[in-house]
């Protein structure tokens, strides 16, 4: 059971890191460099989506670490 959980955690971390690097190193600079309104809107929307995913991931990690937090 531990090996499966560790594998899933490492896979999730690898996918998140890969997606983050791909977005901020390759895709987003290309969209901003294009300079059209449509490309800038895509860059803004993609960055907003990345922020939402990051925030959700942080909340999930905190809730997993302290499952009884917030309950009285």
C-alpha atoms as a PDB file:
ATOM      1  CA  UNK A   1       0.000   0.000   0.000  1.00  0.00           C
ATOM      2  CA  UNK A   2       2.817   2.411   0.842  1.00  0.00           C
ATOM      3  CA  UNK A   3       4.573   1.809  -2.489  1.00  0.00           C
ATOM      4  CA  UNK A   4       1.388   2.553  -4.433  1.00  0.00           C
ATOM      5  CA  UNK A   5       0.767   5.765  -2.484  1.00  0.00           C
ATOM      6  CA  UNK A   6       4.381   6.869  -2.915  1.00  0.00           C
ATOM      7  CA  UNK A   7       4.221   6.143  -6.642  1.00  0.00           C
ATOM      8  CA  UNK A   8       1.056   8.215  -7.034  1.00  0.00           C
ATOM      9  CA  UNK A   9       2.521  11.101  -5.042  1.00  0.00           C
ATOM     10  CA  UNK A  10       5.715  11.105  -7.102  1.00  0.00           C
ATOM     11  CA  UNK A  11       3.773  10.824 -10.356  1.00  0.00           C
ATOM     12  CA  UNK A  12       1.538  13.737  -9.355  1.00  0.00           C
ATOM     13  CA  UNK A  13       4.537  15.841  -8.369  1.00  0.00           C
ATOM     14  CA  UNK A  14       6.279  15.024 -11.645  1.00  0.00           C
ATOM     15  CA  UNK A  15       3.199  15.911 -13.700  1.00  0.00           C
ATOM     16  CA  UNK A  16       2.686  19.167 -11.797  1.00  0.00           C
ATOM     17  CA  UNK A  17       6.340  20.150 -12.146  1.00  0.00           C
ATOM     18  CA  UNK A  18       6.368  19.206 -15.830  1.00  0.00           C
ATOM     19  CA  UNK A  19       3.197  21.162 -16.512  1.00  0.00           C
ATOM     20  CA  UNK A  20       4.480  24.182 -14.623  1.00  0.00           C
ATOM     21  CA  UNK A  21       7.811  24.194 -16.437  1.00  0.00           C
ATOM     22  CA  UNK A  22       6.138  23.660 -19.801  1.00  0.00           C
ATOM     23  CA  UNK A  23       3.712  26.514 -19.201  1.00  0.00           C
ATOM     24  CA  UNK A  24       6.175  29.100 -17.870  1.00  0.00           C
ATOM     25  CA  UNK A  25       9.204  28.223 -20.004  1.00  0.00           C
ATOM     26  CA  UNK A  26       7.671  27.284 -23.356  1.00  0.00           C
ATOM     27  CA  UNK A  27       3.997  28.085 -23.930  1.00  0.00           C
ATOM     28  CA  UNK A  28       3.353  31.315 -22.010  1.00  0.00           C
ATOM     29  CA  UNK A  29       6.405  33.249 -23.312  1.00  0.00           C
ATOM     30  CA  UNK A  30       5.469  32.244 -26.850  1.00  0.00           C
ATOM     31  CA  UNK A  31       1.920  33.528 -26.352  1.00  0.00           C
ATOM     32  CA  UNK A  32       3.108  36.798 -24.813  1.00  0.00           C
ATOM     33  CA  UNK A  33       5.726  37.177 -27.548  1.00  0.00           C
ATOM     34  CA  UNK A  34       3.048  36.857 -30.224  1.00  0.00           C
ATOM     35  CA  UNK A  35       1.364  39.944 -28.806  1.00  0.00           C
ATOM     36  CA  UNK A  36      -2.092  39.533 -30.297  1.00  0.00           C
ATOM     37  CA  UNK A  37      -5.085  40.137 -28.086  1.00  0.00           C
ATOM     38  CA  UNK A  38      -6.217  36.539 -28.424  1.00  0.00           C
ATOM     39  CA  UNK A  39      -2.793  35.169 -27.449  1.00  0.00           C
ATOM     40  CA  UNK A  40      -2.565  37.491 -24.442  1.00  0.00           C
ATOM     41  CA  UNK A  41      -6.017  36.394 -23.278  1.00  0.00           C
ATOM     42  CA  UNK A  42      -4.942  32.747 -23.586  1.00  0.00           C
ATOM     43  CA  UNK A  43      -1.787  33.495 -21.584  1.00  0.00           C
ATOM     44  CA  UNK A  44      -3.831  35.240 -18.887  1.00  0.00           C
ATOM     45  CA  UNK A  45      -6.421  32.458 -18.754  1.00  0.00           C
ATOM     46  CA  UNK A  46      -3.737  29.781 -18.604  1.00  0.00           C
ATOM     47  CA  UNK A  47      -1.945  31.537 -15.784  1.00  0.00           C
ATOM     48  CA  UNK A  48      -5.228  31.896 -13.890  1.00  0.00           C
ATOM     49  CA  UNK A  49      -5.894  28.182 -14.380  1.00  0.00           C
ATOM     50  CA  UNK A  50      -2.396  27.392 -13.105  1.00  0.00           C
ATOM     51  CA  UNK A  51      -3.009  29.526 -10.012  1.00  0.00           C
ATOM     52  CA  UNK A  52      -6.312  27.764  -9.326  1.00  0.00           C
ATOM     53  CA  UNK A  53      -4.691  24.344  -9.693  1.00  0.00           C
ATOM     54  CA  UNK A  54      -1.843  25.374  -7.388  1.00  0.00           C
ATOM     55  CA  UNK A  55      -4.222  26.742  -4.761  1.00  0.00           C
ATOM     56  CA  UNK A  56      -6.391  23.630  -4.921  1.00  0.00           C
ATOM     57  CA  UNK A  57      -3.344  21.411  -4.595  1.00  0.00           C
ATOM     58  CA  UNK A  58      -2.144  23.370  -1.549  1.00  0.00           C
ATOM     59  CA  UNK A  59      -5.561  23.088   0.105  1.00  0.00           C
ATOM     60  CA  UNK A  60      -5.658  19.356  -0.634  1.00  0.00           C
ATOM     61  CA  UNK A  61      -2.214  18.810   0.879  1.00  0.00           C
ATOM     62  CA  UNK A  62      -3.127  20.789   4.010  1.00  0.00           C
ATOM     63  CA  UNK A  63      -6.401  18.892   4.427  1.00  0.00           C
ATOM     64  CA  UNK A  64      -4.613  15.555   4.040  1.00  0.00           C
ATOM     65  CA  UNK A  65      -1.978  16.539   6.604  1.00  0.00           C
ATOM     66  CA  UNK A  66      -4.537  17.742   9.170  1.00  0.00           C
ATOM     67  CA  UNK A  67      -7.862  15.989   8.470  1.00  0.00           C
ATOM     68  CA  UNK A  68      -9.446  17.139  11.737  1.00  0.00           C
ATOM     69  CA  UNK A  69      -8.546  20.830  11.376  1.00  0.00           C
ATOM     70  CA  UNK A  70     -11.560  23.094  11.365  1.00  0.00           C
ATOM     71  CA  UNK A  71     -13.871  20.555  13.039  1.00  0.00           C
ATOM     72  CA  UNK A  72     -15.055  21.215  16.576  1.00  0.00           C
END
